[in-house]
Amino acid sequence: MDYLNRKIRVCTECPLHRTRNHAIPGAGPVPCHMLIIGQAPGNIEDQINALFVGPSGQIFDQLIRHARITRESFYLTNLIKCMLPKSRRPARDEIMQCAHYLRQEIRMVQPSVMVPLGFHATRFLFKEFGLPFPPKHDVHALFGDIIRSSNHWIYPLRHPTALLFNPDKKEVMQKNYGRLYTLMNDDSYV
């Protein structure tokens, strides 16, 4: 994992390396039962060189505290390892350029449960594991459902950023994130 993380930190495989300060690898125990996948580092993460430390990270920490789990209990990473300029959505070619890093993390972490946060990470995992992906306007129905792939459980959740734009989703997101405790501690999800 150290070798992979060094490769990520110096990556120049796509144009995003020109606009970032840091490419940020994942963090957490290896191997690990649960892998959580965000979209990409934000501006604060890029400046500080750490995962989920900006506004989304603060909400993420509140949600996992509510779920009674800690960052030390799972492996946390992003689909894209570099900040996206102006916090825009990732382009398909950027996802494809960066995907081999996530694939290697999945192989090394060997998770039983993978938790994609938001649309792009969810779509990537569904395509990666050959699961049918709904039309964009129906993706929200996946959030909070646990899906079995060939040898993983996939539990899509809304990205913490959703609460920045729609605080009314707090109750349902706390409920859905609260299920992480069960997924981490129930032997059925191995």
N, C-alpha and C. Protein backbone atom coordinates (compact mmCIF):
# COMPACT_ATOMS: atom_id res chain seq x y z
N MET A 1 0.83 -1.19 0.00
CA MET A 1 0.00 0.00 0.00
C MET A 1 0.87 1.26 0.00
N ASP A 2 1.99 1.22 0.73
CA ASP A 2 2.87 2.39 0.74
C ASP A 2 3.36 2.74 -0.66
N TYR A 3 3.70 1.70 -1.44
CA TYR A 3 4.16 1.93 -2.81
C TYR A 3 3.04 2.57 -3.65
N LEU A 4 1.82 2.04 -3.54
CA LEU A 4 0.69 2.61 -4.27
C LEU A 4 0.46 4.06 -3.86
N ASN A 5 0.50 4.34 -2.57
CA ASN A 5 0.28 5.71 -2.10
C ASN A 5 1.33 6.67 -2.63
N ARG A 6 2.58 6.21 -2.73
CA ARG A 6 3.64 7.06 -3.30
C ARG A 6 3.35 7.34 -4.78
N LYS A 7 2.89 6.32 -5.51
CA LYS A 7 2.54 6.51 -6.92
C LYS A 7 1.40 7.52 -7.07
N ILE A 8 0.40 7.44 -6.21
CA ILE A 8 -0.72 8.38 -6.27
C ILE A 8 -0.23 9.81 -6.03
N ARG A 9 0.60 9.98 -5.03
CA ARG A 9 1.07 11.33 -4.66
C ARG A 9 1.83 12.05 -5.78
N VAL A 10 2.48 11.29 -6.65
CA VAL A 10 3.27 11.92 -7.73
C VAL A 10 2.63 11.72 -9.11
N CYS A 11 1.39 11.29 -9.15
CA CYS A 11 0.71 10.98 -10.41
C CYS A 11 0.61 12.22 -11.32
N THR A 12 0.89 12.00 -12.61
CA THR A 12 0.72 13.04 -13.63
C THR A 12 -0.02 12.46 -14.84
N GLU A 13 -0.87 11.46 -14.62
CA GLU A 13 -1.52 10.74 -15.72
C GLU A 13 -2.65 11.51 -16.39
N CYS A 14 -3.18 12.53 -15.74
CA CYS A 14 -4.24 13.33 -16.37
C CYS A 14 -3.98 14.80 -16.07
N PRO A 15 -4.65 15.70 -16.76
CA PRO A 15 -4.41 17.14 -16.56
C PRO A 15 -4.72 17.67 -15.15
N LEU A 16 -5.42 16.92 -14.33
CA LEU A 16 -5.74 17.40 -12.98
C LEU A 16 -4.47 17.66 -12.16
N HIS A 17 -3.38 17.01 -12.49
CA HIS A 17 -2.15 17.23 -11.71
C HIS A 17 -1.65 18.68 -11.85
N ARG A 18 -2.06 19.37 -12.91
CA ARG A 18 -1.62 20.75 -13.12
C ARG A 18 -2.35 21.75 -12.22
N THR A 19 -3.52 21.37 -11.73
CA THR A 19 -4.32 22.31 -10.95
C THR A 19 -4.42 21.95 -9.47
N ARG A 20 -3.81 20.87 -9.08
CA ARG A 20 -3.87 20.42 -7.68
C ARG A 20 -2.61 20.82 -6.93
N ASN A 21 -2.71 20.81 -5.62
CA ASN A 21 -1.52 20.89 -4.77
C ASN A 21 -1.06 19.49 -4.39
N HIS A 22 -2.05 18.61 -4.10
CA HIS A 22 -1.74 17.26 -3.64
C HIS A 22 -2.69 16.24 -4.27
N ALA A 23 -2.14 15.10 -4.65
CA ALA A 23 -2.97 13.94 -4.96
C ALA A 23 -3.06 13.16 -3.64
N ILE A 24 -4.28 12.84 -3.24
CA ILE A 24 -4.48 12.31 -1.88
C ILE A 24 -4.90 10.84 -1.94
N PRO A 25 -4.02 9.95 -1.45
CA PRO A 25 -4.37 8.53 -1.41
C PRO A 25 -5.34 8.23 -0.27
N GLY A 26 -5.84 7.01 -0.26
CA GLY A 26 -6.73 6.58 0.80
C GLY A 26 -5.98 6.38 2.11
N ALA A 27 -6.76 6.11 3.16
CA ALA A 27 -6.18 5.91 4.49
C ALA A 27 -7.06 4.95 5.28
N GLY A 28 -6.41 4.15 6.11
CA GLY A 28 -7.13 3.23 6.97
C GLY A 28 -6.43 1.89 7.04
N PRO A 29 -7.01 0.98 7.82
CA PRO A 29 -6.38 -0.34 7.98
C PRO A 29 -6.46 -1.16 6.69
N VAL A 30 -5.42 -1.96 6.47
CA VAL A 30 -5.36 -2.85 5.30
C VAL A 30 -4.89 -4.22 5.79
N PRO A 31 -5.65 -5.28 5.53
CA PRO A 31 -6.98 -5.32 4.93
C PRO A 31 -8.03 -4.76 5.89
N CYS A 32 -9.23 -4.57 5.34
CA CYS A 32 -10.30 -3.97 6.14
C CYS A 32 -11.66 -4.45 5.64
N HIS A 33 -12.58 -4.64 6.55
CA HIS A 33 -13.92 -5.13 6.23
C HIS A 33 -14.72 -4.12 5.39
N MET A 34 -14.52 -2.82 5.64
CA MET A 34 -15.34 -1.80 4.97
C MET A 34 -14.47 -0.77 4.27
N LEU A 35 -14.84 -0.46 3.03
CA LEU A 35 -14.18 0.56 2.22
C LEU A 35 -15.22 1.62 1.88
N ILE A 36 -14.95 2.87 2.22
CA ILE A 36 -15.84 3.98 1.91
C ILE A 36 -15.18 4.83 0.84
N ILE A 37 -15.94 5.16 -0.22
CA ILE A 37 -15.39 5.84 -1.38
C ILE A 37 -16.13 7.16 -1.63
N GLY A 38 -15.43 8.28 -1.48
CA GLY A 38 -15.98 9.59 -1.81
C GLY A 38 -15.74 9.90 -3.28
N GLN A 39 -15.99 11.15 -3.65
CA GLN A 39 -15.83 11.54 -5.06
C GLN A 39 -14.42 12.04 -5.34
N ALA A 40 -14.00 13.10 -4.66
CA ALA A 40 -12.70 13.71 -4.92
C ALA A 40 -12.38 14.66 -3.77
N PRO A 41 -11.10 14.95 -3.56
CA PRO A 41 -10.76 15.93 -2.52
C PRO A 41 -11.32 17.31 -2.90
N GLY A 42 -11.68 18.09 -1.89
CA GLY A 42 -12.09 19.46 -2.11
C GLY A 42 -10.91 20.40 -1.94
N ASN A 43 -11.18 21.68 -1.99
CA ASN A 43 -10.14 22.69 -1.90
C ASN A 43 -9.35 22.60 -0.59
N ILE A 44 -10.06 22.45 0.53
CA ILE A 44 -9.38 22.38 1.83
C ILE A 44 -8.54 21.10 1.91
N GLU A 45 -9.09 19.99 1.44
CA GLU A 45 -8.34 18.74 1.43
C GLU A 45 -7.06 18.89 0.60
N ASP A 46 -7.19 19.56 -0.54
CA ASP A 46 -6.04 19.77 -1.42
C ASP A 46 -4.97 20.64 -0.75
N GLN A 47 -5.39 21.63 0.01
CA GLN A 47 -4.43 22.49 0.70
C GLN A 47 -3.75 21.76 1.86
N ILE A 48 -4.55 21.02 2.64
CA ILE A 48 -4.04 20.39 3.86
C ILE A 48 -3.41 19.02 3.57
N ASN A 49 -3.76 18.41 2.43
CA ASN A 49 -3.26 17.09 2.05
C ASN A 49 -3.81 16.01 2.98
N ALA A 50 -5.15 16.02 3.15
CA ALA A 50 -5.81 15.04 4.01
C ALA A 50 -7.22 14.77 3.47
N LEU A 51 -7.74 13.59 3.78
CA LEU A 51 -9.07 13.18 3.33
C LEU A 51 -10.19 13.74 4.21
N PHE A 52 -11.25 14.22 3.59
CA PHE A 52 -12.48 14.61 4.28
C PHE A 52 -12.22 15.48 5.51
N VAL A 53 -11.59 16.64 5.30
CA VAL A 53 -11.33 17.57 6.40
C VAL A 53 -12.05 18.90 6.22
N GLY A 54 -12.64 19.14 5.05
CA GLY A 54 -13.37 20.37 4.79
C GLY A 54 -14.80 20.28 5.29
N PRO A 55 -15.69 21.11 4.75
CA PRO A 55 -17.10 21.10 5.19
C PRO A 55 -17.76 19.72 5.03
N SER A 56 -17.52 19.04 3.93
CA SER A 56 -18.10 17.69 3.76
C SER A 56 -17.54 16.73 4.79
N GLY A 57 -16.25 16.87 5.08
CA GLY A 57 -15.62 16.01 6.08
C GLY A 57 -16.19 16.21 7.46
N GLN A 58 -16.53 17.46 7.80
CA GLN A 58 -17.13 17.73 9.11
C GLN A 58 -18.50 17.06 9.21
N ILE A 59 -19.28 17.15 8.13
CA ILE A 59 -20.58 16.48 8.12
C ILE A 59 -20.39 14.96 8.16
N PHE A 60 -19.43 14.47 7.39
CA PHE A 60 -19.12 13.04 7.38
C PHE A 60 -18.80 12.56 8.80
N ASP A 61 -17.95 13.30 9.51
CA ASP A 61 -17.60 12.92 10.88
C ASP A 61 -18.82 12.90 11.79
N GLN A 62 -19.72 13.86 11.63
CA GLN A 62 -20.95 13.86 12.44
C GLN A 62 -21.80 12.62 12.13
N LEU A 63 -21.90 12.28 10.84
CA LEU A 63 -22.71 11.14 10.44
C LEU A 63 -22.13 9.83 10.95
N ILE A 64 -20.81 9.66 10.89
CA ILE A 64 -20.24 8.40 11.38
C ILE A 64 -20.24 8.34 12.90
N ARG A 65 -20.10 9.50 13.55
CA ARG A 65 -20.23 9.51 15.02
C ARG A 65 -21.64 9.06 15.42
N HIS A 66 -22.63 9.57 14.70
CA HIS A 66 -24.01 9.17 14.93
C HIS A 66 -24.16 7.65 14.72
N ALA A 67 -23.39 7.10 13.78
CA ALA A 67 -23.43 5.66 13.48
C ALA A 67 -22.61 4.83 14.45
N ARG A 68 -21.90 5.50 15.37
CA ARG A 68 -21.07 4.83 16.39
C ARG A 68 -19.89 4.07 15.79
N ILE A 69 -19.31 4.65 14.71
CA ILE A 69 -18.09 4.09 14.16
C ILE A 69 -17.05 5.21 14.07
N THR A 70 -15.80 4.83 13.92
CA THR A 70 -14.72 5.80 13.83
C THR A 70 -13.98 5.62 12.52
N ARG A 71 -13.23 6.63 12.13
CA ARG A 71 -12.44 6.55 10.90
C ARG A 71 -11.42 5.41 10.95
N GLU A 72 -10.98 5.06 12.14
CA GLU A 72 -9.99 3.99 12.28
C GLU A 72 -10.57 2.61 11.97
N SER A 73 -11.90 2.52 11.85
CA SER A 73 -12.54 1.22 11.66
C SER A 73 -12.81 0.87 10.19
N PHE A 74 -12.48 1.77 9.26
CA PHE A 74 -12.70 1.50 7.84
C PHE A 74 -11.59 2.14 7.01
N TYR A 75 -11.53 1.76 5.75
CA TYR A 75 -10.59 2.37 4.81
C TYR A 75 -11.37 3.42 4.03
N LEU A 76 -10.83 4.63 3.95
CA LEU A 76 -11.50 5.76 3.30
C LEU A 76 -10.66 6.22 2.12
N THR A 77 -11.30 6.41 0.98
CA THR A 77 -10.59 6.89 -0.20
C THR A 77 -11.55 7.68 -1.08
N ASN A 78 -11.06 8.13 -2.22
CA ASN A 78 -11.87 8.84 -3.20
C ASN A 78 -11.76 8.17 -4.56
N LEU A 79 -12.79 8.33 -5.36
CA LEU A 79 -12.79 7.87 -6.75
C LEU A 79 -11.70 8.60 -7.53
N ILE A 80 -11.63 9.91 -7.39
CA ILE A 80 -10.62 10.76 -8.03
C ILE A 80 -9.68 11.22 -6.93
N LYS A 81 -8.39 11.13 -7.17
CA LYS A 81 -7.40 11.43 -6.12
C LYS A 81 -7.00 12.91 -6.08
N CYS A 82 -7.36 13.69 -7.10
CA CYS A 82 -7.00 15.11 -7.17
C CYS A 82 -8.25 15.98 -7.08
N MET A 83 -8.04 17.18 -6.56
CA MET A 83 -9.14 18.15 -6.50
C MET A 83 -9.63 18.45 -7.91
N LEU A 84 -10.95 18.56 -8.03
CA LEU A 84 -11.56 18.95 -9.29
C LEU A 84 -11.72 20.47 -9.29
N PRO A 85 -11.18 21.17 -10.28
CA PRO A 85 -11.28 22.63 -10.29
C PRO A 85 -12.72 23.11 -10.12
N LYS A 86 -12.89 24.11 -9.26
CA LYS A 86 -14.21 24.70 -8.97
C LYS A 86 -15.21 23.67 -8.47
N SER A 87 -14.71 22.58 -7.88
CA SER A 87 -15.56 21.51 -7.33
C SER A 87 -16.55 20.98 -8.34
N ARG A 88 -16.15 20.95 -9.59
CA ARG A 88 -17.04 20.45 -10.65
C ARG A 88 -17.14 18.94 -10.59
N ARG A 89 -18.05 18.40 -11.37
CA ARG A 89 -18.20 16.95 -11.46
C ARG A 89 -17.01 16.36 -12.21
N PRO A 90 -16.65 15.12 -11.91
CA PRO A 90 -15.55 14.50 -12.65
C PRO A 90 -15.98 14.12 -14.06
N ALA A 91 -15.07 14.29 -15.00
CA ALA A 91 -15.31 13.87 -16.38
C ALA A 91 -15.05 12.36 -16.47
N ARG A 92 -15.71 11.72 -17.41
CA ARG A 92 -15.54 10.27 -17.57
C ARG A 92 -14.08 9.89 -17.80
N ASP A 93 -13.36 10.68 -18.60
CA ASP A 93 -11.96 10.33 -18.86
C ASP A 93 -11.11 10.50 -17.60
N GLU A 94 -11.46 11.43 -16.73
CA GLU A 94 -10.74 11.58 -15.46
C GLU A 94 -10.99 10.37 -14.56
N ILE A 95 -12.23 9.92 -14.54
CA ILE A 95 -12.56 8.72 -13.76
C ILE A 95 -11.78 7.53 -14.30
N MET A 96 -11.76 7.38 -15.62
CA MET A 96 -11.08 6.23 -16.21
C MET A 96 -9.56 6.31 -15.98
N GLN A 97 -8.99 7.51 -16.01
CA GLN A 97 -7.55 7.67 -15.76
C GLN A 97 -7.20 7.29 -14.33
N CYS A 98 -8.08 7.58 -13.40
CA CYS A 98 -7.80 7.39 -11.98
C CYS A 98 -8.29 6.03 -11.46
N ALA A 99 -9.14 5.36 -12.22
CA ALA A 99 -9.82 4.15 -11.74
C ALA A 99 -8.85 3.04 -11.35
N HIS A 100 -7.71 2.95 -12.02
CA HIS A 100 -6.79 1.85 -11.70
C HIS A 100 -6.27 1.97 -10.27
N TYR A 101 -6.19 3.19 -9.73
CA TYR A 101 -5.78 3.34 -8.34
C TYR A 101 -6.83 2.76 -7.40
N LEU A 102 -8.10 3.08 -7.66
CA LEU A 102 -9.18 2.55 -6.82
C LEU A 102 -9.25 1.02 -6.95
N ARG A 103 -9.08 0.50 -8.14
CA ARG A 103 -9.09 -0.96 -8.30
C ARG A 103 -7.98 -1.61 -7.46
N GLN A 104 -6.81 -1.00 -7.46
CA GLN A 104 -5.71 -1.55 -6.66
C GLN A 104 -6.02 -1.45 -5.17
N GLU A 105 -6.62 -0.33 -4.75
CA GLU A 105 -7.01 -0.21 -3.34
C GLU A 105 -8.01 -1.29 -2.96
N ILE A 106 -8.99 -1.54 -3.82
CA ILE A 106 -9.99 -2.58 -3.54
C ILE A 106 -9.30 -3.94 -3.40
N ARG A 107 -8.37 -4.26 -4.30
CA ARG A 107 -7.65 -5.53 -4.22
C ARG A 107 -6.86 -5.65 -2.92
N MET A 108 -6.21 -4.57 -2.51
CA MET A 108 -5.38 -4.63 -1.31
C MET A 108 -6.20 -4.60 -0.03
N VAL A 109 -7.23 -3.79 0.00
CA VAL A 109 -8.06 -3.65 1.21
C VAL A 109 -8.91 -4.90 1.42
N GLN A 110 -9.33 -5.55 0.35
CA GLN A 110 -10.16 -6.75 0.40
C GLN A 110 -11.44 -6.56 1.22
N PRO A 111 -12.21 -5.51 0.91
CA PRO A 111 -13.40 -5.25 1.72
C PRO A 111 -14.53 -6.24 1.42
N SER A 112 -15.32 -6.52 2.42
CA SER A 112 -16.57 -7.26 2.21
C SER A 112 -17.68 -6.28 1.86
N VAL A 113 -17.61 -5.07 2.44
CA VAL A 113 -18.62 -4.04 2.23
C VAL A 113 -17.96 -2.81 1.62
N MET A 114 -18.53 -2.33 0.51
CA MET A 114 -18.06 -1.09 -0.11
C MET A 114 -19.18 -0.07 -0.07
N VAL A 115 -18.84 1.14 0.35
CA VAL A 115 -19.83 2.20 0.54
C VAL A 115 -19.47 3.38 -0.36
N PRO A 116 -20.08 3.45 -1.55
CA PRO A 116 -19.84 4.61 -2.40
C PRO A 116 -20.70 5.79 -1.93
N LEU A 117 -20.09 6.97 -1.88
CA LEU A 117 -20.81 8.17 -1.45
C LEU A 117 -21.14 9.01 -2.68
N GLY A 118 -22.41 9.11 -2.99
CA GLY A 118 -22.85 9.94 -4.11
C GLY A 118 -22.91 9.22 -5.44
N PHE A 119 -23.36 9.97 -6.43
CA PHE A 119 -23.66 9.43 -7.77
C PHE A 119 -22.45 8.80 -8.44
N HIS A 120 -21.34 9.54 -8.56
CA HIS A 120 -20.22 9.08 -9.39
C HIS A 120 -19.54 7.84 -8.82
N ALA A 121 -19.31 7.79 -7.52
CA ALA A 121 -18.70 6.61 -6.92
C ALA A 121 -19.64 5.41 -7.03
N THR A 122 -20.94 5.65 -6.86
CA THR A 122 -21.92 4.57 -6.98
C THR A 122 -21.96 4.03 -8.40
N ARG A 123 -22.03 4.93 -9.38
CA ARG A 123 -22.07 4.49 -10.78
C ARG A 123 -20.81 3.68 -11.12
N PHE A 124 -19.65 4.17 -10.65
CA PHE A 124 -18.41 3.45 -10.93
C PHE A 124 -18.47 2.02 -10.39
N LEU A 125 -18.84 1.85 -9.13
CA LEU A 125 -18.87 0.50 -8.55
C LEU A 125 -19.89 -0.40 -9.25
N PHE A 126 -21.05 0.14 -9.57
CA PHE A 126 -22.06 -0.68 -10.25
C PHE A 126 -21.53 -1.15 -11.60
N LYS A 127 -20.91 -0.26 -12.34
CA LYS A 127 -20.36 -0.67 -13.65
C LYS A 127 -19.20 -1.64 -13.46
N GLU A 128 -18.36 -1.37 -12.47
CA GLU A 128 -17.19 -2.21 -12.22
C GLU A 128 -17.59 -3.65 -11.90
N PHE A 129 -18.70 -3.82 -11.19
CA PHE A 129 -19.12 -5.15 -10.76
C PHE A 129 -20.31 -5.68 -11.55
N GLY A 130 -20.60 -5.05 -12.70
CA GLY A 130 -21.62 -5.56 -13.61
C GLY A 130 -23.03 -5.51 -13.08
N LEU A 131 -23.31 -4.54 -12.23
CA LEU A 131 -24.67 -4.39 -11.69
C LEU A 131 -25.46 -3.40 -12.54
N PRO A 132 -26.75 -3.63 -12.73
CA PRO A 132 -27.55 -2.69 -13.52
C PRO A 132 -27.64 -1.34 -12.79
N PHE A 133 -27.42 -0.27 -13.54
CA PHE A 133 -27.45 1.07 -12.96
C PHE A 133 -28.66 1.81 -13.49
N PRO A 134 -29.46 2.39 -12.60
CA PRO A 134 -30.69 3.05 -13.05
C PRO A 134 -30.42 4.36 -13.78
N PRO A 135 -31.42 4.90 -14.46
CA PRO A 135 -31.28 6.23 -15.05
C PRO A 135 -30.95 7.25 -13.95
N LYS A 136 -30.29 8.32 -14.33
CA LYS A 136 -29.78 9.30 -13.37
C LYS A 136 -30.86 9.80 -12.40
N HIS A 137 -32.06 10.05 -12.90
CA HIS A 137 -33.12 10.58 -12.04
C HIS A 137 -33.65 9.56 -11.03
N ASP A 138 -33.24 8.28 -11.15
CA ASP A 138 -33.69 7.24 -10.22
C ASP A 138 -32.59 6.77 -9.26
N VAL A 139 -31.38 7.32 -9.40
CA VAL A 139 -30.25 6.87 -8.59
C VAL A 139 -30.51 7.06 -7.10
N HIS A 140 -31.22 8.12 -6.75
CA HIS A 140 -31.49 8.38 -5.33
C HIS A 140 -32.16 7.20 -4.63
N ALA A 141 -32.87 6.37 -5.40
CA ALA A 141 -33.56 5.21 -4.82
C ALA A 141 -32.56 4.15 -4.33
N LEU A 142 -31.32 4.19 -4.83
CA LEU A 142 -30.30 3.23 -4.39
C LEU A 142 -29.74 3.57 -3.01
N PHE A 143 -29.77 4.86 -2.65
CA PHE A 143 -29.14 5.28 -1.40
C PHE A 143 -29.85 4.66 -0.20
N GLY A 144 -29.08 3.92 0.58
CA GLY A 144 -29.62 3.24 1.76
C GLY A 144 -30.02 1.80 1.51
N ASP A 145 -29.88 1.31 0.27
CA ASP A 145 -30.16 -0.10 -0.03
C ASP A 145 -28.84 -0.86 -0.10
N ILE A 146 -28.83 -2.07 0.42
CA ILE A 146 -27.62 -2.88 0.32
C ILE A 146 -27.80 -3.87 -0.83
N ILE A 147 -26.78 -3.91 -1.69
CA ILE A 147 -26.84 -4.72 -2.90
C ILE A 147 -25.69 -5.70 -2.88
N ARG A 148 -25.96 -6.93 -3.25
CA ARG A 148 -24.91 -7.95 -3.30
C ARG A 148 -24.36 -8.01 -4.72
N SER A 149 -23.05 -7.88 -4.85
CA SER A 149 -22.40 -8.15 -6.14
C SER A 149 -21.81 -9.55 -6.03
N SER A 150 -20.99 -9.94 -6.96
CA SER A 150 -20.45 -11.29 -6.96
C SER A 150 -19.77 -11.65 -5.64
N ASN A 151 -18.95 -10.77 -5.09
CA ASN A 151 -18.28 -11.09 -3.82
C ASN A 151 -18.13 -9.90 -2.89
N HIS A 152 -19.00 -8.91 -3.05
CA HIS A 152 -19.00 -7.74 -2.16
C HIS A 152 -20.45 -7.34 -1.86
N TRP A 153 -20.62 -6.67 -0.75
CA TRP A 153 -21.85 -5.94 -0.48
C TRP A 153 -21.58 -4.49 -0.86
N ILE A 154 -22.51 -3.87 -1.56
CA ILE A 154 -22.38 -2.45 -1.93
C ILE A 154 -23.53 -1.71 -1.29
N TYR A 155 -23.17 -0.66 -0.53
CA TYR A 155 -24.17 0.10 0.22
C TYR A 155 -24.05 1.58 -0.15
N PRO A 156 -24.72 2.01 -1.24
CA PRO A 156 -24.63 3.41 -1.67
C PRO A 156 -25.29 4.36 -0.67
N LEU A 157 -24.61 5.48 -0.44
CA LEU A 157 -25.14 6.53 0.42
C LEU A 157 -25.01 7.88 -0.28
N ARG A 158 -25.86 8.80 0.15
CA ARG A 158 -25.69 10.18 -0.34
C ARG A 158 -24.35 10.70 0.16
N HIS A 159 -23.74 11.52 -0.65
CA HIS A 159 -22.49 12.17 -0.24
C HIS A 159 -22.82 13.17 0.87
N PRO A 160 -21.94 13.33 1.87
CA PRO A 160 -22.21 14.29 2.94
C PRO A 160 -22.51 15.70 2.45
N THR A 161 -21.97 16.07 1.29
CA THR A 161 -22.22 17.39 0.71
C THR A 161 -23.71 17.66 0.53
N ALA A 162 -24.50 16.61 0.36
CA ALA A 162 -25.94 16.78 0.16
C ALA A 162 -26.56 17.59 1.29
N LEU A 163 -26.04 17.43 2.52
CA LEU A 163 -26.60 18.19 3.65
C LEU A 163 -26.25 19.67 3.60
N LEU A 164 -25.18 20.02 2.90
CA LEU A 164 -24.85 21.45 2.75
C LEU A 164 -25.91 22.15 1.91
N PHE A 165 -26.47 21.43 0.95
CA PHE A 165 -27.45 22.02 0.03
C PHE A 165 -28.89 21.72 0.43
N ASN A 166 -29.09 20.66 1.21
CA ASN A 166 -30.45 20.29 1.59
C ASN A 166 -30.47 19.72 3.01
N PRO A 167 -30.48 20.60 4.02
CA PRO A 167 -30.48 20.14 5.42
C PRO A 167 -31.69 19.26 5.77
N ASP A 168 -32.76 19.31 4.97
CA ASP A 168 -33.93 18.48 5.24
C ASP A 168 -33.64 16.99 5.11
N LYS A 169 -32.53 16.63 4.49
CA LYS A 169 -32.17 15.22 4.32
C LYS A 169 -31.44 14.65 5.54
N LYS A 170 -31.25 15.45 6.58
CA LYS A 170 -30.45 15.02 7.72
C LYS A 170 -30.99 13.74 8.37
N GLU A 171 -32.27 13.68 8.60
CA GLU A 171 -32.84 12.53 9.30
C GLU A 171 -32.64 11.23 8.51
N VAL A 172 -32.94 11.26 7.21
CA VAL A 172 -32.79 10.05 6.40
C VAL A 172 -31.32 9.69 6.25
N MET A 173 -30.44 10.68 6.15
CA MET A 173 -29.02 10.38 6.02
C MET A 173 -28.47 9.82 7.32
N GLN A 174 -28.91 10.34 8.47
CA GLN A 174 -28.47 9.77 9.75
C GLN A 174 -28.92 8.31 9.86
N LYS A 175 -30.14 8.04 9.43
CA LYS A 175 -30.65 6.67 9.46
C LYS A 175 -29.80 5.76 8.56
N ASN A 176 -29.55 6.21 7.33
CA ASN A 176 -28.79 5.40 6.39
C ASN A 176 -27.33 5.22 6.83
N TYR A 177 -26.69 6.29 7.27
CA TYR A 177 -25.31 6.17 7.77
C TYR A 177 -25.29 5.33 9.05
N GLY A 178 -26.34 5.41 9.84
CA GLY A 178 -26.42 4.62 11.07
C GLY A 178 -26.32 3.13 10.82
N ARG A 179 -26.73 2.70 9.65
CA ARG A 179 -26.67 1.29 9.29
C ARG A 179 -25.24 0.79 9.09
N LEU A 180 -24.29 1.72 8.95
CA LEU A 180 -22.88 1.32 8.78
C LEU A 180 -22.41 0.48 9.96
N TYR A 181 -22.90 0.79 11.15
CA TYR A 181 -22.50 0.03 12.33
C TYR A 181 -22.89 -1.45 12.17
N THR A 182 -24.11 -1.69 11.72
CA THR A 182 -24.58 -3.07 11.50
C THR A 182 -23.75 -3.75 10.42
N LEU A 183 -23.51 -3.05 9.31
CA LEU A 183 -22.76 -3.63 8.21
C LEU A 183 -21.33 -3.98 8.64
N MET A 184 -20.81 -3.23 9.58
CA MET A 184 -19.45 -3.47 10.05
C MET A 184 -19.38 -4.60 11.07
N ASN A 185 -20.46 -4.80 11.82
CA ASN A 185 -20.42 -5.71 12.96
C ASN A 185 -21.25 -6.98 12.82
N ASP A 186 -22.05 -7.09 11.78
CA ASP A 186 -22.90 -8.26 11.58
C ASP A 186 -22.17 -9.26 10.67
N ASP A 187 -22.00 -10.48 11.13
CA ASP A 187 -21.29 -11.50 10.36
C ASP A 187 -21.99 -11.86 9.05
N SER A 188 -23.23 -11.46 8.87
CA SER A 188 -23.95 -11.72 7.62
C SER A 188 -23.31 -10.99 6.45
N TYR A 189 -22.56 -9.91 6.74
CA TYR A 189 -21.99 -9.09 5.67
C TYR A 189 -20.51 -9.34 5.49
N VAL A 190 -20.13 -10.60 5.55
CA VAL A 190 -18.73 -10.98 5.33
C VAL A 190 -18.62 -11.66 3.99
